[in-house]
N, C-alpha and C. Protein backbone atom coordinates (compact mmCIF):
# COMPACT_ATOMS: atom_id res chain seq x y z
N MET A 1 -3.63 15.06 -5.48
CA MET A 1 -3.49 14.19 -4.32
C MET A 1 -2.03 14.22 -3.88
N ASP A 2 -1.80 14.53 -2.60
CA ASP A 2 -0.44 14.59 -2.06
C ASP A 2 -0.07 13.21 -1.54
N LEU A 3 0.80 12.54 -2.24
CA LEU A 3 1.17 11.18 -1.87
C LEU A 3 2.52 11.14 -1.17
N ARG A 4 2.65 10.18 -0.27
CA ARG A 4 3.92 9.82 0.33
C ARG A 4 4.20 8.39 -0.13
N TYR A 5 5.44 7.95 0.05
CA TYR A 5 5.82 6.63 -0.45
C TYR A 5 6.69 5.91 0.58
N SER A 6 6.57 4.58 0.60
CA SER A 6 7.45 3.78 1.45
C SER A 6 8.55 3.18 0.58
N LYS A 7 9.63 2.75 1.22
CA LYS A 7 10.71 2.10 0.48
C LYS A 7 10.29 0.72 0.00
N GLU A 8 9.15 0.22 0.51
CA GLU A 8 8.60 -1.06 0.06
C GLU A 8 7.65 -0.88 -1.12
N HIS A 9 7.68 0.30 -1.74
CA HIS A 9 6.92 0.61 -2.96
C HIS A 9 5.41 0.67 -2.74
N GLU A 10 5.04 1.30 -1.64
CA GLU A 10 3.63 1.58 -1.39
C GLU A 10 3.41 3.08 -1.44
N TRP A 11 2.23 3.47 -1.92
CA TRP A 11 1.85 4.88 -1.85
C TRP A 11 0.88 5.05 -0.69
N ILE A 12 0.90 6.24 -0.11
CA ILE A 12 0.07 6.56 1.04
C ILE A 12 -0.57 7.92 0.77
N ALA A 13 -1.90 7.95 0.78
CA ALA A 13 -2.64 9.19 0.62
C ALA A 13 -3.37 9.46 1.92
N VAL A 14 -3.13 10.62 2.54
CA VAL A 14 -3.72 10.92 3.85
C VAL A 14 -4.84 11.93 3.69
N ASP A 15 -5.98 11.60 4.31
CA ASP A 15 -7.14 12.49 4.35
C ASP A 15 -7.57 12.57 5.81
N GLY A 16 -7.23 13.69 6.47
CA GLY A 16 -7.51 13.80 7.90
C GLY A 16 -6.64 12.82 8.66
N ASP A 17 -7.28 11.89 9.41
CA ASP A 17 -6.50 10.90 10.16
C ASP A 17 -6.58 9.50 9.53
N ILE A 18 -7.02 9.45 8.26
CA ILE A 18 -7.10 8.17 7.55
C ILE A 18 -6.10 8.15 6.40
N ALA A 19 -5.31 7.09 6.35
CA ALA A 19 -4.34 6.90 5.27
C ALA A 19 -4.82 5.76 4.38
N THR A 20 -4.92 6.02 3.09
CA THR A 20 -5.22 4.98 2.11
C THR A 20 -3.89 4.50 1.55
N ILE A 21 -3.73 3.17 1.45
CA ILE A 21 -2.45 2.58 1.08
C ILE A 21 -2.64 1.65 -0.11
N GLY A 22 -1.71 1.75 -1.05
CA GLY A 22 -1.72 0.87 -2.21
C GLY A 22 -0.31 0.64 -2.71
N VAL A 23 -0.20 -0.12 -3.77
CA VAL A 23 1.10 -0.43 -4.38
C VAL A 23 1.36 0.61 -5.47
N THR A 24 2.59 1.09 -5.56
CA THR A 24 2.91 2.11 -6.56
C THR A 24 2.80 1.54 -7.98
N GLU A 25 2.62 2.44 -8.91
CA GLU A 25 2.53 2.05 -10.32
C GLU A 25 3.81 1.34 -10.76
N TYR A 26 4.95 1.84 -10.27
CA TYR A 26 6.23 1.22 -10.58
C TYR A 26 6.25 -0.24 -10.12
N ALA A 27 5.87 -0.46 -8.86
CA ALA A 27 5.88 -1.82 -8.30
C ALA A 27 4.89 -2.72 -9.03
N ALA A 28 3.70 -2.18 -9.32
CA ALA A 28 2.69 -2.97 -10.02
C ALA A 28 3.23 -3.43 -11.38
N GLY A 29 3.99 -2.57 -12.05
CA GLY A 29 4.57 -2.94 -13.33
C GLY A 29 5.70 -3.96 -13.19
N GLU A 30 6.52 -3.80 -12.15
CA GLU A 30 7.67 -4.69 -11.93
C GLU A 30 7.25 -6.08 -11.47
N MET A 31 6.16 -6.15 -10.69
CA MET A 31 5.74 -7.43 -10.10
C MET A 31 5.16 -8.39 -11.13
N GLY A 32 4.55 -7.84 -12.16
CA GLY A 32 3.81 -8.69 -13.09
C GLY A 32 2.36 -8.77 -12.64
N ASP A 33 1.60 -9.63 -13.29
CA ASP A 33 0.16 -9.70 -13.05
C ASP A 33 -0.15 -10.23 -11.66
N VAL A 34 -0.93 -9.44 -10.89
CA VAL A 34 -1.35 -9.85 -9.56
C VAL A 34 -2.50 -10.85 -9.73
N VAL A 35 -2.35 -12.01 -9.07
CA VAL A 35 -3.37 -13.06 -9.18
C VAL A 35 -4.10 -13.33 -7.87
N PHE A 36 -3.51 -12.92 -6.73
CA PHE A 36 -4.14 -13.16 -5.44
C PHE A 36 -3.58 -12.19 -4.42
N LEU A 37 -4.46 -11.74 -3.51
CA LEU A 37 -4.04 -10.85 -2.42
C LEU A 37 -4.53 -11.38 -1.09
N GLU A 38 -3.70 -11.24 -0.09
CA GLU A 38 -4.12 -11.49 1.29
C GLU A 38 -3.93 -10.15 2.00
N LEU A 39 -5.03 -9.61 2.54
CA LEU A 39 -4.99 -8.29 3.18
C LEU A 39 -5.23 -8.42 4.67
N PRO A 40 -4.88 -7.38 5.46
CA PRO A 40 -5.06 -7.45 6.91
C PRO A 40 -6.55 -7.46 7.29
N GLU A 41 -6.82 -7.91 8.49
CA GLU A 41 -8.19 -7.94 9.01
C GLU A 41 -8.67 -6.54 9.31
N ASP A 42 -9.89 -6.25 8.92
CA ASP A 42 -10.53 -4.98 9.26
C ASP A 42 -10.59 -4.88 10.79
N GLY A 43 -10.18 -3.74 11.33
CA GLY A 43 -10.22 -3.54 12.78
C GLY A 43 -8.95 -3.96 13.51
N SER A 44 -8.00 -4.56 12.79
CA SER A 44 -6.77 -5.00 13.47
C SER A 44 -5.82 -3.83 13.68
N ASP A 45 -5.06 -3.91 14.76
CA ASP A 45 -4.04 -2.90 15.06
C ASP A 45 -2.73 -3.32 14.40
N VAL A 46 -2.06 -2.36 13.78
CA VAL A 46 -0.81 -2.64 13.08
C VAL A 46 0.24 -1.61 13.49
N SER A 47 1.50 -2.00 13.36
CA SER A 47 2.61 -1.09 13.62
C SER A 47 3.37 -0.87 12.33
N GLN A 48 4.03 0.28 12.26
CA GLN A 48 4.83 0.60 11.07
C GLN A 48 5.83 -0.51 10.82
N GLY A 49 5.86 -1.02 9.58
CA GLY A 49 6.80 -2.07 9.21
C GLY A 49 6.29 -3.48 9.39
N ASP A 50 5.11 -3.64 10.01
CA ASP A 50 4.55 -4.99 10.20
C ASP A 50 4.17 -5.62 8.87
N PRO A 51 4.44 -6.92 8.71
CA PRO A 51 3.87 -7.61 7.55
C PRO A 51 2.37 -7.77 7.78
N VAL A 52 1.56 -7.38 6.81
CA VAL A 52 0.10 -7.40 7.00
C VAL A 52 -0.63 -8.20 5.93
N GLY A 53 0.10 -8.82 5.03
CA GLY A 53 -0.54 -9.61 3.99
C GLY A 53 0.47 -10.00 2.93
N THR A 54 -0.04 -10.52 1.83
CA THR A 54 0.83 -10.91 0.73
C THR A 54 0.20 -10.52 -0.60
N ILE A 55 1.06 -10.35 -1.58
CA ILE A 55 0.64 -10.12 -2.96
C ILE A 55 1.26 -11.24 -3.78
N GLU A 56 0.39 -12.03 -4.42
CA GLU A 56 0.87 -13.13 -5.25
C GLU A 56 0.73 -12.72 -6.71
N THR A 57 1.83 -12.85 -7.44
CA THR A 57 1.81 -12.54 -8.87
C THR A 57 2.17 -13.81 -9.64
N VAL A 58 2.14 -13.70 -10.95
CA VAL A 58 2.55 -14.84 -11.76
C VAL A 58 4.02 -15.16 -11.56
N LYS A 59 4.81 -14.19 -11.06
CA LYS A 59 6.25 -14.37 -10.87
C LYS A 59 6.62 -14.82 -9.45
N SER A 60 5.91 -14.29 -8.42
CA SER A 60 6.37 -14.53 -7.05
C SER A 60 5.27 -14.21 -6.04
N VAL A 61 5.59 -14.44 -4.78
CA VAL A 61 4.74 -14.02 -3.67
C VAL A 61 5.55 -13.04 -2.83
N GLU A 62 5.02 -11.84 -2.64
CA GLU A 62 5.71 -10.79 -1.90
C GLU A 62 4.94 -10.45 -0.63
N ASP A 63 5.67 -10.17 0.45
CA ASP A 63 5.02 -9.69 1.66
C ASP A 63 4.56 -8.26 1.47
N LEU A 64 3.46 -7.92 2.12
CA LEU A 64 2.91 -6.57 2.11
C LEU A 64 3.13 -6.01 3.51
N TYR A 65 3.76 -4.84 3.60
CA TYR A 65 4.09 -4.23 4.88
C TYR A 65 3.23 -2.99 5.11
N CYS A 66 2.89 -2.75 6.36
CA CYS A 66 2.13 -1.54 6.69
C CYS A 66 3.11 -0.39 6.91
N PRO A 67 2.96 0.70 6.16
CA PRO A 67 3.91 1.81 6.29
C PRO A 67 3.65 2.71 7.49
N LEU A 68 2.53 2.49 8.20
CA LEU A 68 2.16 3.37 9.32
C LEU A 68 1.53 2.58 10.46
N THR A 69 1.66 3.09 11.67
CA THR A 69 1.02 2.50 12.84
C THR A 69 -0.42 2.99 12.92
N GLY A 70 -1.32 2.10 13.29
CA GLY A 70 -2.71 2.50 13.47
C GLY A 70 -3.65 1.32 13.45
N GLU A 71 -4.91 1.59 13.11
CA GLU A 71 -5.93 0.55 13.06
C GLU A 71 -6.45 0.44 11.63
N ILE A 72 -6.54 -0.78 11.13
CA ILE A 72 -7.10 -1.00 9.80
C ILE A 72 -8.59 -0.68 9.87
N THR A 73 -9.02 0.29 9.06
CA THR A 73 -10.44 0.69 9.11
C THR A 73 -11.23 0.15 7.93
N GLU A 74 -10.54 -0.24 6.87
CA GLU A 74 -11.25 -0.74 5.68
C GLU A 74 -10.26 -1.46 4.80
N ILE A 75 -10.73 -2.54 4.17
CA ILE A 75 -9.94 -3.18 3.13
C ILE A 75 -10.73 -3.09 1.83
N ASN A 76 -10.03 -3.10 0.73
CA ASN A 76 -10.66 -2.99 -0.58
C ASN A 76 -11.11 -4.37 -1.03
N GLU A 77 -12.39 -4.68 -0.81
CA GLU A 77 -12.93 -5.98 -1.22
C GLU A 77 -12.81 -6.17 -2.73
N GLY A 78 -12.85 -5.05 -3.48
CA GLY A 78 -12.78 -5.12 -4.93
C GLY A 78 -11.52 -5.80 -5.44
N VAL A 79 -10.37 -5.53 -4.78
CA VAL A 79 -9.12 -6.15 -5.25
C VAL A 79 -9.02 -7.61 -4.83
N LEU A 80 -9.78 -8.00 -3.79
CA LEU A 80 -9.80 -9.42 -3.42
C LEU A 80 -10.53 -10.22 -4.49
N ASP A 81 -11.62 -9.63 -5.02
CA ASP A 81 -12.39 -10.30 -6.07
C ASP A 81 -11.73 -10.16 -7.44
N THR A 82 -11.06 -9.03 -7.67
CA THR A 82 -10.46 -8.73 -8.97
C THR A 82 -9.04 -8.21 -8.76
N PRO A 83 -8.09 -9.12 -8.44
CA PRO A 83 -6.73 -8.69 -8.09
C PRO A 83 -6.03 -7.90 -9.18
N GLU A 84 -6.41 -8.09 -10.43
CA GLU A 84 -5.75 -7.37 -11.52
C GLU A 84 -5.97 -5.86 -11.46
N LEU A 85 -6.92 -5.39 -10.63
CA LEU A 85 -7.09 -3.95 -10.43
C LEU A 85 -5.81 -3.30 -9.93
N VAL A 86 -5.00 -4.04 -9.16
CA VAL A 86 -3.74 -3.51 -8.65
C VAL A 86 -2.82 -3.14 -9.81
N ASN A 87 -2.84 -3.93 -10.88
CA ASN A 87 -2.03 -3.63 -12.06
C ASN A 87 -2.68 -2.57 -12.94
N GLN A 88 -3.99 -2.68 -13.11
CA GLN A 88 -4.70 -1.81 -14.05
C GLN A 88 -4.86 -0.38 -13.54
N ASP A 89 -5.08 -0.21 -12.24
CA ASP A 89 -5.39 1.11 -11.70
C ASP A 89 -4.88 1.22 -10.26
N PRO A 90 -3.54 1.15 -10.07
CA PRO A 90 -3.00 1.08 -8.70
C PRO A 90 -3.32 2.30 -7.83
N LEU A 91 -3.54 3.46 -8.45
CA LEU A 91 -3.78 4.68 -7.65
C LEU A 91 -5.25 4.97 -7.38
N GLU A 92 -6.15 4.28 -8.02
CA GLU A 92 -7.58 4.53 -7.80
C GLU A 92 -8.27 3.27 -7.31
N ASP A 93 -8.79 2.47 -8.24
CA ASP A 93 -9.55 1.27 -7.87
C ASP A 93 -8.69 0.19 -7.23
N GLY A 94 -7.37 0.26 -7.43
CA GLY A 94 -6.48 -0.78 -6.93
C GLY A 94 -5.90 -0.54 -5.55
N TRP A 95 -6.44 0.43 -4.78
CA TRP A 95 -5.93 0.64 -3.42
C TRP A 95 -6.16 -0.63 -2.60
N LEU A 96 -5.41 -0.79 -1.50
CA LEU A 96 -5.46 -2.04 -0.74
C LEU A 96 -6.21 -1.93 0.59
N PHE A 97 -5.80 -0.97 1.44
CA PHE A 97 -6.46 -0.85 2.74
C PHE A 97 -6.29 0.55 3.29
N LYS A 98 -7.10 0.84 4.32
CA LYS A 98 -7.04 2.15 4.97
C LYS A 98 -6.68 1.97 6.44
N VAL A 99 -5.90 2.93 6.95
CA VAL A 99 -5.42 2.89 8.33
C VAL A 99 -5.78 4.20 9.02
N LYS A 100 -6.37 4.09 10.21
CA LYS A 100 -6.57 5.29 11.05
C LYS A 100 -5.23 5.52 11.74
N LEU A 101 -4.64 6.70 11.51
CA LEU A 101 -3.29 6.98 12.00
C LEU A 101 -3.20 6.94 13.52
N GLY A 102 -2.24 6.15 14.01
CA GLY A 102 -1.97 6.10 15.43
C GLY A 102 -0.84 7.03 15.82
N ASN A 103 0.02 7.35 14.86
CA ASN A 103 1.18 8.19 15.12
C ASN A 103 1.48 9.02 13.87
N PRO A 104 0.76 10.15 13.68
CA PRO A 104 0.92 10.94 12.46
C PRO A 104 2.35 11.37 12.17
N SER A 105 3.21 11.46 13.18
CA SER A 105 4.59 11.88 12.94
C SER A 105 5.35 10.87 12.08
N GLU A 106 4.86 9.62 11.98
CA GLU A 106 5.51 8.62 11.13
C GLU A 106 5.48 9.03 9.65
N LEU A 107 4.55 9.88 9.28
CA LEU A 107 4.48 10.36 7.90
C LEU A 107 5.80 11.03 7.49
N ASP A 108 6.48 11.63 8.47
CA ASP A 108 7.74 12.31 8.20
C ASP A 108 8.84 11.35 7.76
N SER A 109 8.70 10.06 8.10
CA SER A 109 9.73 9.08 7.73
C SER A 109 9.51 8.52 6.33
N LEU A 110 8.40 8.89 5.70
CA LEU A 110 8.10 8.40 4.36
C LEU A 110 8.69 9.33 3.30
N LEU A 111 8.82 8.81 2.11
CA LEU A 111 9.40 9.58 1.00
C LEU A 111 8.36 10.47 0.34
N ASP A 112 8.81 11.60 -0.17
CA ASP A 112 7.94 12.41 -1.04
C ASP A 112 8.15 11.92 -2.47
N ALA A 113 7.45 12.52 -3.43
CA ALA A 113 7.53 12.07 -4.81
C ALA A 113 8.96 12.11 -5.34
N ALA A 114 9.70 13.17 -5.05
CA ALA A 114 11.08 13.29 -5.53
C ALA A 114 11.95 12.20 -4.93
N GLY A 115 11.79 11.94 -3.62
CA GLY A 115 12.57 10.91 -2.96
C GLY A 115 12.27 9.52 -3.50
N TYR A 116 10.99 9.26 -3.79
CA TYR A 116 10.63 7.95 -4.35
C TYR A 116 11.17 7.81 -5.76
N ASN A 117 11.09 8.86 -6.52
CA ASN A 117 11.60 8.84 -7.88
C ASN A 117 13.10 8.53 -7.89
N GLU A 118 13.80 9.08 -6.93
CA GLU A 118 15.24 8.81 -6.78
C GLU A 118 15.48 7.34 -6.42
N LEU A 119 14.63 6.82 -5.52
CA LEU A 119 14.74 5.42 -5.09
C LEU A 119 14.63 4.45 -6.28
N ILE A 120 13.72 4.75 -7.19
CA ILE A 120 13.50 3.83 -8.32
C ILE A 120 14.37 4.18 -9.52
N GLY A 121 15.27 5.13 -9.33
CA GLY A 121 16.22 5.46 -10.37
C GLY A 121 15.66 6.33 -11.48
N GLY A 122 14.62 7.13 -11.12
CA GLY A 122 13.96 7.97 -12.12
C GLY A 122 14.65 9.29 -12.32
C-alpha cells in the first residue's frame, strides 16, 4: 500500500479517486487510548486543512483535520462503536473516513514515508 502522510499525523491511502484516511501508528501510540471519536458527516464537502472532527483519548481531546479537499464518501462506523480500533489496528480496521478527491494535485503537498519518518525523528 502506497501511503502518504500529513504533518498532523494522518495516513492517506489513495485508490483511484478515493482517499482513505486514518491516524498513523506513531500518533496512535503517542495519544494514548482512544475513548471517543467525532467524525465528519457522510456526504459533506471538506477542504484541505479543515477541522472535521475530534479524537478523545484518556490524555486529551485533539482536533482531526482533513488532509485533502473533496467529499466525505464514507465514515468508519466500526471506530465509532469501538474507538480502541484506532490504537489496535490504525492501518486496517482503525481507518477513519474516505474522501472523494476534489483536487488530486494536493497529494503532492503530503509527505512520503521517508518525509514522515524524518518528521517524527525516525
